[in-house]
Amino acid sequence: MTNLTEAKLAREAEIAYTTLALVTDYDCWHPDHDHVTVDLVIDNLKHNAVNAQKVIQETVKRLSKNLPESEAHSALKYAILTPLAKVPQPRKQQLELLLKKYL
């Protein structure tokens, strides 16, 4: 279960993107870990939800004070290969949300 699709779409939309992944169990790789039970996974999910909310709140607080520059914010700058003069107006209108600053 990767975030490849989301990462590609975020890049295309010039959105800086990251993943927050929290583990629910270790039994698939850790030979000494207890067997997984539904209760264990649910308990870890609940703890992870609380931790994720704390991380997101702190991240938003910090980002609102100092928004970093990212290469992602101009990812399409050199990705548009078709000369814009040759792009039909209806297509430009369809892509305006993503390409507005380049049109």
PDB file of N, CA and C in Angstrom:
ATOM      1  N   MET A   1       0.845  -1.170   0.000  1.00  0.00           N
ATOM      2  CA  MET A   1       0.000   0.000   0.000  1.00  0.00           C
ATOM      3  C   MET A   1       0.891   1.233   0.000  1.00  0.00           C
ATOM      4  N   THR A   2       1.114   1.746  -1.190  1.00  0.00           N
ATOM      5  CA  THR A   2       1.980   2.912  -1.308  1.00  0.00           C
ATOM      6  C   THR A   2       1.152   4.161  -1.557  1.00  0.00           C
ATOM      7  N   ASN A   3       1.832   5.262  -1.577  1.00  0.00           N
ATOM      8  CA  ASN A   3       1.206   6.550  -1.860  1.00  0.00           C
ATOM      9  C   ASN A   3       1.633   7.050  -3.227  1.00  0.00           C
ATOM     10  N   LEU A   4       2.056   6.144  -4.094  1.00  0.00           N
ATOM     11  CA  LEU A   4       2.594   6.554  -5.378  1.00  0.00           C
ATOM     12  C   LEU A   4       1.609   7.393  -6.176  1.00  0.00           C
ATOM     13  N   THR A   5       0.376   6.963  -6.281  1.00  0.00           N
ATOM     14  CA  THR A   5      -0.609   7.715  -7.049  1.00  0.00           C
ATOM     15  C   THR A   5      -0.807   9.102  -6.463  1.00  0.00           C
ATOM     16  N   GLU A   6      -0.963   9.194  -5.153  1.00  0.00           N
ATOM     17  CA  GLU A   6      -1.161  10.486  -4.502  1.00  0.00           C
ATOM     18  C   GLU A   6       0.058  11.380  -4.697  1.00  0.00           C
ATOM     19  N   ALA A   7       1.242  10.809  -4.595  1.00  0.00           N
ATOM     20  CA  ALA A   7       2.463  11.599  -4.756  1.00  0.00           C
ATOM     21  C   ALA A   7       2.584  12.143  -6.178  1.00  0.00           C
ATOM     22  N   LYS A   8       2.261  11.324  -7.161  1.00  0.00           N
ATOM     23  CA  LYS A   8       2.322  11.786  -8.553  1.00  0.00           C
ATOM     24  C   LYS A   8       1.306  12.897  -8.806  1.00  0.00           C
ATOM     25  N   LEU A   9       0.096  12.722  -8.306  1.00  0.00           N
ATOM     26  CA  LEU A   9      -0.933  13.748  -8.503  1.00  0.00           C
ATOM     27  C   LEU A   9      -0.574  15.042  -7.781  1.00  0.00           C
ATOM     28  N   ALA A  10      -0.024  14.929  -6.586  1.00  0.00           N
ATOM     29  CA  ALA A  10       0.389  16.119  -5.846  1.00  0.00           C
ATOM     30  C   ALA A  10       1.502  16.845  -6.602  1.00  0.00           C
ATOM     31  N   ARG A  11       2.432  16.099  -7.150  1.00  0.00           N
ATOM     32  CA  ARG A  11       3.531  16.709  -7.910  1.00  0.00           C
ATOM     33  C   ARG A  11       2.986  17.427  -9.139  1.00  0.00           C
ATOM     34  N   GLU A  12       2.055  16.788  -9.835  1.00  0.00           N
ATOM     35  CA  GLU A  12       1.454  17.394 -11.020  1.00  0.00           C
ATOM     36  C   GLU A  12       0.718  18.689 -10.667  1.00  0.00           C
ATOM     37  N   ALA A  13       0.138  18.722  -9.477  1.00  0.00           N
ATOM     38  CA  ALA A  13      -0.577  19.922  -9.023  1.00  0.00           C
ATOM     39  C   ALA A  13       0.361  20.896  -8.299  1.00  0.00           C
ATOM     40  N   GLU A  14       1.654  20.599  -8.303  1.00  0.00           N
ATOM     41  CA  GLU A  14       2.678  21.427  -7.663  1.00  0.00           C
ATOM     42  C   GLU A  14       2.425  21.613  -6.171  1.00  0.00           C
ATOM     43  N   ILE A  15       1.991  20.541  -5.534  1.00  0.00           N
ATOM     44  CA  ILE A  15       1.742  20.550  -4.097  1.00  0.00           C
ATOM     45  C   ILE A  15       2.879  19.787  -3.415  1.00  0.00           C
ATOM     46  N   ALA A  16       3.545  20.436  -2.468  1.00  0.00           N
ATOM     47  CA  ALA A  16       4.549  19.735  -1.672  1.00  0.00           C
ATOM     48  C   ALA A  16       3.813  18.690  -0.847  1.00  0.00           C
ATOM     49  N   TYR A  17       4.332  17.495  -0.808  1.00  0.00           N
ATOM     50  CA  TYR A  17       3.591  16.353  -0.275  1.00  0.00           C
ATOM     51  C   TYR A  17       4.504  15.502   0.586  1.00  0.00           C
ATOM     52  N   THR A  18       3.954  14.989   1.640  1.00  0.00           N
ATOM     53  CA  THR A  18       4.692  14.037   2.460  1.00  0.00           C
ATOM     54  C   THR A  18       3.722  12.997   2.994  1.00  0.00           C
ATOM     55  N   THR A  19       4.264  11.973   3.568  1.00  0.00           N
ATOM     56  CA  THR A  19       3.454  10.890   4.116  1.00  0.00           C
ATOM     57  C   THR A  19       3.720  10.765   5.606  1.00  0.00           C
ATOM     58  N   LEU A  20       2.675  10.545   6.348  1.00  0.00           N
ATOM     59  CA  LEU A  20       2.793  10.212   7.761  1.00  0.00           C
ATOM     60  C   LEU A  20       2.281   8.786   7.899  1.00  0.00           C
ATOM     61  N   ALA A  21       3.183   7.869   8.179  1.00  0.00           N
ATOM     62  CA  ALA A  21       2.812   6.456   8.283  1.00  0.00           C
ATOM     63  C   ALA A  21       3.045   5.986   9.716  1.00  0.00           C
ATOM     64  N   LEU A  22       2.048   5.374  10.301  1.00  0.00           N
ATOM     65  CA  LEU A  22       2.137   4.882  11.674  1.00  0.00           C
ATOM     66  C   LEU A  22       1.851   3.379  11.682  1.00  0.00           C
ATOM     67  N   VAL A  23       2.650   2.654  12.402  1.00  0.00           N
ATOM     68  CA  VAL A  23       2.592   1.195  12.408  1.00  0.00           C
ATOM     69  C   VAL A  23       1.516   0.694  13.364  1.00  0.00           C
ATOM     70  N   THR A  24       0.801  -0.348  12.940  1.00  0.00           N
ATOM     71  CA  THR A  24      -0.200  -0.958  13.821  1.00  0.00           C
ATOM     72  C   THR A  24       0.293  -2.268  14.428  1.00  0.00           C
ATOM     73  N   ASP A  25       1.210  -2.945  13.738  1.00  0.00           N
ATOM     74  CA  ASP A  25       1.743  -4.196  14.298  1.00  0.00           C
ATOM     75  C   ASP A  25       3.073  -4.523  13.630  1.00  0.00           C
ATOM     76  N   TYR A  26       3.838  -5.397  14.289  1.00  0.00           N
ATOM     77  CA  TYR A  26       5.184  -5.727  13.824  1.00  0.00           C
ATOM     78  C   TYR A  26       5.366  -7.208  13.506  1.00  0.00           C
ATOM     79  N   ASP A  27       4.340  -7.987  13.616  1.00  0.00           N
ATOM     80  CA  ASP A  27       4.518  -9.434  13.543  1.00  0.00           C
ATOM     81  C   ASP A  27       5.020  -9.936  12.196  1.00  0.00           C
ATOM     82  N   CYS A  28       4.837  -9.192  11.138  1.00  0.00           N
ATOM     83  CA  CYS A  28       5.219  -9.695   9.820  1.00  0.00           C
ATOM     84  C   CYS A  28       6.735  -9.716   9.628  1.00  0.00           C
ATOM     85  N   TRP A  29       7.482  -8.984  10.425  1.00  0.00           N
ATOM     86  CA  TRP A  29       8.938  -8.969  10.247  1.00  0.00           C
ATOM     87  C   TRP A  29       9.720  -9.187  11.528  1.00  0.00           C
ATOM     88  N   HIS A  30       9.072  -9.093  12.656  1.00  0.00           N
ATOM     89  CA  HIS A  30       9.773  -9.178  13.933  1.00  0.00           C
ATOM     90  C   HIS A  30       9.494 -10.544  14.557  1.00  0.00           C
ATOM     91  N   PRO A  31      10.465 -11.448  14.576  1.00  0.00           N
ATOM     92  CA  PRO A  31      10.213 -12.822  15.039  1.00  0.00           C
ATOM     93  C   PRO A  31       9.828 -12.935  16.519  1.00  0.00           C
ATOM     94  N   ASP A  32      10.214 -11.955  17.334  1.00  0.00           N
ATOM     95  CA  ASP A  32       9.926 -12.040  18.762  1.00  0.00           C
ATOM     96  C   ASP A  32       8.665 -11.282  19.169  1.00  0.00           C
ATOM     97  N   HIS A  33       7.962 -10.694  18.214  1.00  0.00           N
ATOM     98  CA  HIS A  33       6.772  -9.918  18.534  1.00  0.00           C
ATOM     99  C   HIS A  33       5.577 -10.846  18.710  1.00  0.00           C
ATOM    100  N   ASP A  34       4.679 -10.453  19.609  1.00  0.00           N
ATOM    101  CA  ASP A  34       3.466 -11.240  19.829  1.00  0.00           C
ATOM    102  C   ASP A  34       2.652 -11.355  18.550  1.00  0.00           C
ATOM    103  N   HIS A  35       1.841 -12.400  18.497  1.00  0.00           N
ATOM    104  CA  HIS A  35       0.933 -12.543  17.362  1.00  0.00           C
ATOM    105  C   HIS A  35      -0.075 -11.404  17.380  1.00  0.00           C
ATOM    106  N   VAL A  36      -0.476 -11.002  16.214  1.00  0.00           N
ATOM    107  CA  VAL A  36      -1.406  -9.887  16.093  1.00  0.00           C
ATOM    108  C   VAL A  36      -2.828 -10.351  16.381  1.00  0.00           C
ATOM    109  N   THR A  37      -3.517  -9.522  17.132  1.00  0.00           N
ATOM    110  CA  THR A  37      -4.939  -9.750  17.377  1.00  0.00           C
ATOM    111  C   THR A  37      -5.696  -8.510  16.902  1.00  0.00           C
ATOM    112  N   VAL A  38      -6.957  -8.665  16.680  1.00  0.00           N
ATOM    113  CA  VAL A  38      -7.773  -7.525  16.277  1.00  0.00           C
ATOM    114  C   VAL A  38      -7.725  -6.447  17.352  1.00  0.00           C
ATOM    115  N   ASP A  39      -7.801  -6.861  18.611  1.00  0.00           N
ATOM    116  CA  ASP A  39      -7.754  -5.889  19.714  1.00  0.00           C
ATOM    117  C   ASP A  39      -6.450  -5.093  19.712  1.00  0.00           C
ATOM    118  N   LEU A  40      -5.338  -5.768  19.447  1.00  0.00           N
ATOM    119  CA  LEU A  40      -4.041  -5.092  19.402  1.00  0.00           C
ATOM    120  C   LEU A  40      -4.019  -4.056  18.274  1.00  0.00           C
ATOM    121  N   VAL A  41      -4.488  -4.433  17.104  1.00  0.00           N
ATOM    122  CA  VAL A  41      -4.492  -3.518  15.968  1.00  0.00           C
ATOM    123  C   VAL A  41      -5.403  -2.325  16.240  1.00  0.00           C
ATOM    124  N   ILE A  42      -6.595  -2.567  16.753  1.00  0.00           N
ATOM    125  CA  ILE A  42      -7.533  -1.480  17.044  1.00  0.00           C
ATOM    126  C   ILE A  42      -6.960  -0.539  18.097  1.00  0.00           C
ATOM    127  N   ASP A  43      -6.356  -1.091  19.132  1.00  0.00           N
ATOM    128  CA  ASP A  43      -5.742  -0.266  20.180  1.00  0.00           C
ATOM    129  C   ASP A  43      -4.635   0.607  19.584  1.00  0.00           C
ATOM    130  N   ASN A  44      -3.790   0.011  18.752  1.00  0.00           N
ATOM    131  CA  ASN A  44      -2.719   0.780  18.110  1.00  0.00           C
ATOM    132  C   ASN A  44      -3.280   1.827  17.148  1.00  0.00           C
ATOM    133  N   LEU A  45      -4.338   1.496  16.443  1.00  0.00           N
ATOM    134  CA  LEU A  45      -4.974   2.468  15.553  1.00  0.00           C
ATOM    135  C   LEU A  45      -5.473   3.684  16.335  1.00  0.00           C
ATOM    136  N   LYS A  46      -6.079   3.427  17.486  1.00  0.00           N
ATOM    137  CA  LYS A  46      -6.575   4.527  18.322  1.00  0.00           C
ATOM    138  C   LYS A  46      -5.420   5.417  18.786  1.00  0.00           C
ATOM    139  N   HIS A  47      -4.338   4.799  19.241  1.00  0.00           N
ATOM    140  CA  HIS A  47      -3.166   5.572  19.673  1.00  0.00           C
ATOM    141  C   HIS A  47      -2.562   6.331  18.484  1.00  0.00           C
ATOM    142  N   ASN A  48      -2.504   5.680  17.336  1.00  0.00           N
ATOM    143  CA  ASN A  48      -1.961   6.321  16.140  1.00  0.00           C
ATOM    144  C   ASN A  48      -2.807   7.521  15.719  1.00  0.00           C
ATOM    145  N   ALA A  49      -4.110   7.407  15.846  1.00  0.00           N
ATOM    146  CA  ALA A  49      -4.998   8.517  15.475  1.00  0.00           C
ATOM    147  C   ALA A  49      -4.713   9.735  16.345  1.00  0.00           C
ATOM    148  N   VAL A  50      -4.541   9.518  17.627  1.00  0.00           N
ATOM    149  CA  VAL A  50      -4.221  10.620  18.547  1.00  0.00           C
ATOM    150  C   VAL A  50      -2.862  11.217  18.189  1.00  0.00           C
ATOM    151  N   ASN A  51      -1.871  10.350  17.966  1.00  0.00           N
ATOM    152  CA  ASN A  51      -0.531  10.835  17.609  1.00  0.00           C
ATOM    153  C   ASN A  51      -0.543  11.582  16.277  1.00  0.00           C
ATOM    154  N   ALA A  52      -1.266  11.067  15.300  1.00  0.00           N
ATOM    155  CA  ALA A  52      -1.338  11.717  13.985  1.00  0.00           C
ATOM    156  C   ALA A  52      -1.955  13.101  14.112  1.00  0.00           C
ATOM    157  N   GLN A  53      -3.002  13.232  14.905  1.00  0.00           N
ATOM    158  CA  GLN A  53      -3.630  14.543  15.094  1.00  0.00           C
ATOM    159  C   GLN A  53      -2.652  15.524  15.727  1.00  0.00           C
ATOM    160  N   LYS A  54      -1.874  15.060  16.686  1.00  0.00           N
ATOM    161  CA  LYS A  54      -0.882  15.935  17.322  1.00  0.00           C
ATOM    162  C   LYS A  54       0.188  16.371  16.316  1.00  0.00           C
ATOM    163  N   VAL A  55       0.656  15.431  15.518  1.00  0.00           N
ATOM    164  CA  VAL A  55       1.685  15.742  14.518  1.00  0.00           C
ATOM    165  C   VAL A  55       1.140  16.747  13.501  1.00  0.00           C
ATOM    166  N   ILE A  56      -0.072  16.526  13.027  1.00  0.00           N
ATOM    167  CA  ILE A  56      -0.667  17.420  12.029  1.00  0.00           C
ATOM    168  C   ILE A  56      -0.888  18.809  12.615  1.00  0.00           C
ATOM    169  N   GLN A  57      -1.390  18.892  13.828  1.00  0.00           N
ATOM    170  CA  GLN A  57      -1.607  20.199  14.454  1.00  0.00           C
ATOM    171  C   GLN A  57      -0.292  20.958  14.605  1.00  0.00           C
ATOM    172  N   GLU A  58       0.735  20.291  15.052  1.00  0.00           N
ATOM    173  CA  GLU A  58       2.035  20.945  15.236  1.00  0.00           C
ATOM    174  C   GLU A  58       2.632  21.334  13.885  1.00  0.00           C
ATOM    175  N   THR A  59       2.473  20.487  12.896  1.00  0.00           N
ATOM    176  CA  THR A  59       2.998  20.793  11.559  1.00  0.00           C
ATOM    177  C   THR A  59       2.311  22.016  10.973  1.00  0.00           C
ATOM    178  N   VAL A  60       0.988  22.067  11.070  1.00  0.00           N
ATOM    179  CA  VAL A  60       0.242  23.215  10.551  1.00  0.00           C
ATOM    180  C   VAL A  60       0.656  24.488  11.281  1.00  0.00           C
ATOM    181  N   LYS A  61       0.818  24.393  12.586  1.00  0.00           N
ATOM    182  CA  LYS A  61       1.233  25.561  13.375  1.00  0.00           C
ATOM    183  C   LYS A  61       2.596  26.070  12.894  1.00  0.00           C
ATOM    184  N   ARG A  62       3.533  25.158  12.705  1.00  0.00           N
ATOM    185  CA  ARG A  62       4.872  25.563  12.275  1.00  0.00           C
ATOM    186  C   ARG A  62       4.878  26.080  10.838  1.00  0.00           C
ATOM    187  N   LEU A  63       4.137  25.417   9.959  1.00  0.00           N
ATOM    188  CA  LEU A  63       4.092  25.852   8.565  1.00  0.00           C
ATOM    189  C   LEU A  63       3.434  27.209   8.409  1.00  0.00           C
ATOM    190  N   SER A  64       2.443  27.490   9.242  1.00  0.00           N
ATOM    191  CA  SER A  64       1.761  28.784   9.140  1.00  0.00           C
ATOM    192  C   SER A  64       2.685  29.937   9.534  1.00  0.00           C
ATOM    193  N   LYS A  65       3.699  29.659  10.328  1.00  0.00           N
ATOM    194  CA  LYS A  65       4.650  30.693  10.738  1.00  0.00           C
ATOM    195  C   LYS A  65       5.765  30.891   9.712  1.00  0.00           C
ATOM    196  N   ASN A  66       6.092  29.838   8.980  1.00  0.00           N
ATOM    197  CA  ASN A  66       7.215  29.906   8.050  1.00  0.00           C
ATOM    198  C   ASN A  66       6.996  28.896   6.927  1.00  0.00           C
ATOM    199  N   LEU A  67       6.274  29.315   5.900  1.00  0.00           N
ATOM    200  CA  LEU A  67       5.973  28.430   4.784  1.00  0.00           C
ATOM    201  C   LEU A  67       7.240  28.193   3.968  1.00  0.00           C
ATOM    202  N   PRO A  68       7.708  26.957   3.904  1.00  0.00           N
ATOM    203  CA  PRO A  68       8.953  26.692   3.181  1.00  0.00           C
ATOM    204  C   PRO A  68       8.742  26.689   1.667  1.00  0.00           C
ATOM    205  N   GLU A  69       9.799  27.026   0.958  1.00  0.00           N
ATOM    206  CA  GLU A  69       9.793  26.894  -0.498  1.00  0.00           C
ATOM    207  C   GLU A  69      10.105  25.439  -0.829  1.00  0.00           C
ATOM    208  N   SER A  70       9.519  24.968  -1.904  1.00  0.00           N
ATOM    209  CA  SER A  70       9.743  23.586  -2.313  1.00  0.00           C
ATOM    210  C   SER A  70       9.869  23.525  -3.827  1.00  0.00           C
ATOM    211  N   GLU A  71      10.725  22.640  -4.312  1.00  0.00           N
ATOM    212  CA  GLU A  71      10.826  22.418  -5.753  1.00  0.00           C
ATOM    213  C   GLU A  71       9.489  21.965  -6.320  1.00  0.00           C
ATOM    214  N   ALA A  72       8.680  21.350  -5.488  1.00  0.00           N
ATOM    215  CA  ALA A  72       7.368  20.881  -5.940  1.00  0.00           C
ATOM    216  C   ALA A  72       6.495  22.038  -6.397  1.00  0.00           C
ATOM    217  N   HIS A  73       6.706  23.224  -5.846  1.00  0.00           N
ATOM    218  CA  HIS A  73       5.862  24.371  -6.179  1.00  0.00           C
ATOM    219  C   HIS A  73       6.072  24.883  -7.603  1.00  0.00           C
ATOM    220  N   SER A  74       7.095  24.382  -8.273  1.00  0.00           N
ATOM    221  CA  SER A  74       7.323  24.746  -9.680  1.00  0.00           C
ATOM    222  C   SER A  74       7.666  23.512 -10.510  1.00  0.00           C
ATOM    223  N   ALA A  75       7.106  22.399 -10.147  1.00  0.00           N
ATOM    224  CA  ALA A  75       7.431  21.124 -10.799  1.00  0.00           C
ATOM    225  C   ALA A  75       7.069  21.090 -12.275  1.00  0.00           C
ATOM    226  N   LEU A  76       6.091  21.872 -12.691  1.00  0.00           N
ATOM    227  CA  LEU A  76       5.665  21.850 -14.095  1.00  0.00           C
ATOM    228  C   LEU A  76       6.402  22.854 -14.963  1.00  0.00           C
ATOM    229  N   LYS A  77       7.236  23.653 -14.363  1.00  0.00           N
ATOM    230  CA  LYS A  77       7.898  24.729 -15.094  1.00  0.00           C
ATOM    231  C   LYS A  77       8.580  24.235 -16.376  1.00  0.00           C
ATOM    232  N   TYR A  78       9.271  23.122 -16.300  1.00  0.00           N
ATOM    233  CA  TYR A  78       9.968  22.574 -17.457  1.00  0.00           C
ATOM    234  C   TYR A  78       9.339  21.266 -17.946  1.00  0.00           C
ATOM    235  N   ALA A  79       8.172  20.946 -17.437  1.00  0.00           N
ATOM    236  CA  ALA A  79       7.514  19.692 -17.821  1.00  0.00           C
ATOM    237  C   ALA A  79       6.553  19.866 -18.989  1.00  0.00           C
ATOM    238  N   ILE A  80       6.194  21.080 -19.309  1.00  0.00           N
ATOM    239  CA  ILE A  80       5.263  21.331 -20.410  1.00  0.00           C
ATOM    240  C   ILE A  80       6.075  21.362 -21.704  1.00  0.00           C
ATOM    241  N   LEU A  81       5.898  20.338 -22.529  1.00  0.00           N
ATOM    242  CA  LEU A  81       6.693  20.207 -23.746  1.00  0.00           C
ATOM    243  C   LEU A  81       6.025  20.840 -24.960  1.00  0.00           C
ATOM    244  N   THR A  82       4.708  20.858 -24.990  1.00  0.00           N
ATOM    245  CA  THR A  82       3.991  21.439 -26.116  1.00  0.00           C
ATOM    246  C   THR A  82       4.053  22.962 -26.017  1.00  0.00           C
ATOM    247  N   PRO A  83       4.447  23.626 -27.102  1.00  0.00           N
ATOM    248  CA  PRO A  83       4.410  25.098 -27.066  1.00  0.00           C
ATOM    249  C   PRO A  83       2.992  25.573 -26.751  1.00  0.00           C
ATOM    250  N   LEU A  84       2.863  26.423 -25.771  1.00  0.00           N
ATOM    251  CA  LEU A  84       1.532  26.844 -25.320  1.00  0.00           C
ATOM    252  C   LEU A  84       0.734  27.540 -26.420  1.00  0.00           C
ATOM    253  N   ALA A  85       1.403  28.131 -27.385  1.00  0.00           N
ATOM    254  CA  ALA A  85       0.700  28.765 -28.501  1.00  0.00           C
ATOM    255  C   ALA A  85      -0.033  27.731 -29.362  1.00  0.00           C
ATOM    256  N   LYS A  86       0.395  26.488 -29.286  1.00  0.00           N
ATOM    257  CA  LYS A  86      -0.231  25.431 -30.088  1.00  0.00           C
ATOM    258  C   LYS A  86      -1.304  24.654 -29.322  1.00  0.00           C
ATOM    259  N   VAL A  87      -1.488  24.984 -28.083  1.00  0.00           N
ATOM    260  CA  VAL A  87      -2.506  24.300 -27.268  1.00  0.00           C
ATOM    261  C   VAL A  87      -3.854  24.965 -27.532  1.00  0.00           C
ATOM    262  N   PRO A  88      -4.858  24.179 -27.931  1.00  0.00           N
ATOM    263  CA  PRO A  88      -6.177  24.766 -28.193  1.00  0.00           C
ATOM    264  C   PRO A  88      -6.759  25.423 -26.931  1.00  0.00           C
ATOM    265  N   GLN A  89      -7.482  26.501 -27.140  1.00  0.00           N
ATOM    266  CA  GLN A  89      -8.067  27.250 -26.018  1.00  0.00           C
ATOM    267  C   GLN A  89      -8.940  26.372 -25.116  1.00  0.00           C
ATOM    268  N   PRO A  90      -9.793  25.487 -25.667  1.00  0.00           N
ATOM    269  CA  PRO A  90     -10.597  24.633 -24.772  1.00  0.00           C
ATOM    270  C   PRO A  90      -9.725  23.775 -23.843  1.00  0.00           C
ATOM    271  N   ARG A  91      -8.585  23.277 -24.363  1.00  0.00           N
ATOM    272  CA  ARG A  91      -7.682  22.470 -23.537  1.00  0.00           C
ATOM    273  C   ARG A  91      -7.035  23.343 -22.464  1.00  0.00           C
ATOM    274  N   LYS A  92      -6.669  24.556 -22.812  1.00  0.00           N
ATOM    275  CA  LYS A  92      -6.095  25.482 -21.825  1.00  0.00           C
ATOM    276  C   LYS A  92      -7.092  25.741 -20.700  1.00  0.00           C
ATOM    277  N   GLN A  93      -8.351  25.893 -21.060  1.00  0.00           N
ATOM    278  CA  GLN A  93      -9.375  26.123 -20.039  1.00  0.00           C
ATOM    279  C   GLN A  93      -9.521  24.909 -19.134  1.00  0.00           C
ATOM    280  N   GLN A  94      -9.430  23.713 -19.701  1.00  0.00           N
ATOM    281  CA  GLN A  94      -9.525  22.496 -18.892  1.00  0.00           C
ATOM    282  C   GLN A  94      -8.353  22.390 -17.913  1.00  0.00           C
ATOM    283  N   LEU A  95      -7.209  22.839 -18.326  1.00  0.00           N
ATOM    284  CA  LEU A  95      -5.989  22.698 -17.514  1.00  0.00           C
ATOM    285  C   LEU A  95      -5.647  23.941 -16.697  1.00  0.00           C
ATOM    286  N   GLU A  96      -6.485  24.954 -16.776  1.00  0.00           N
ATOM    287  CA  GLU A  96      -6.176  26.227 -16.138  1.00  0.00           C
ATOM    288  C   GLU A  96      -5.884  26.101 -14.643  1.00  0.00           C
ATOM    289  N   LEU A  97      -6.618  25.275 -13.955  1.00  0.00           N
ATOM    290  CA  LEU A  97      -6.405  25.118 -12.512  1.00  0.00           C
ATOM    291  C   LEU A  97      -4.960  24.712 -12.204  1.00  0.00           C
ATOM    292  N   LEU A  98      -4.410  23.813 -13.005  1.00  0.00           N
ATOM    293  CA  LEU A  98      -3.046  23.349 -12.773  1.00  0.00           C
ATOM    294  C   LEU A  98      -1.997  24.242 -13.433  1.00  0.00           C
ATOM    295  N   LEU A  99      -2.335  24.824 -14.579  1.00  0.00           N
ATOM    296  CA  LEU A  99      -1.316  25.519 -15.366  1.00  0.00           C
ATOM    297  C   LEU A  99      -1.461  27.036 -15.385  1.00  0.00           C
ATOM    298  N   LYS A 100      -2.312  27.578 -14.570  1.00  0.00           N
ATOM    299  CA  LYS A 100      -2.634  29.011 -14.623  1.00  0.00           C
ATOM    300  C   LYS A 100      -1.393  29.902 -14.695  1.00  0.00           C
ATOM    301  N   LYS A 101      -0.419  29.663 -13.862  1.00  0.00           N
ATOM    302  CA  LYS A 101       0.755  30.559 -13.824  1.00  0.00           C
ATOM    303  C   LYS A 101       1.664  30.389 -15.044  1.00  0.00           C
ATOM    304  N   TYR A 102       1.447  29.346 -15.845  1.00  0.00           N
ATOM    305  CA  TYR A 102       2.272  29.126 -17.030  1.00  0.00           C
ATOM    306  C   TYR A 102       1.549  29.504 -18.324  1.00  0.00           C
ATOM    307  N   LEU A 103       0.261  29.772 -18.244  1.00  0.00           N
ATOM    308  CA  LEU A 103      -0.499  30.091 -19.453  1.00  0.00           C
ATOM    309  C   LEU A 103      -0.407  31.564 -19.803  1.00  0.00           C
TER     310      LEU A 103
END
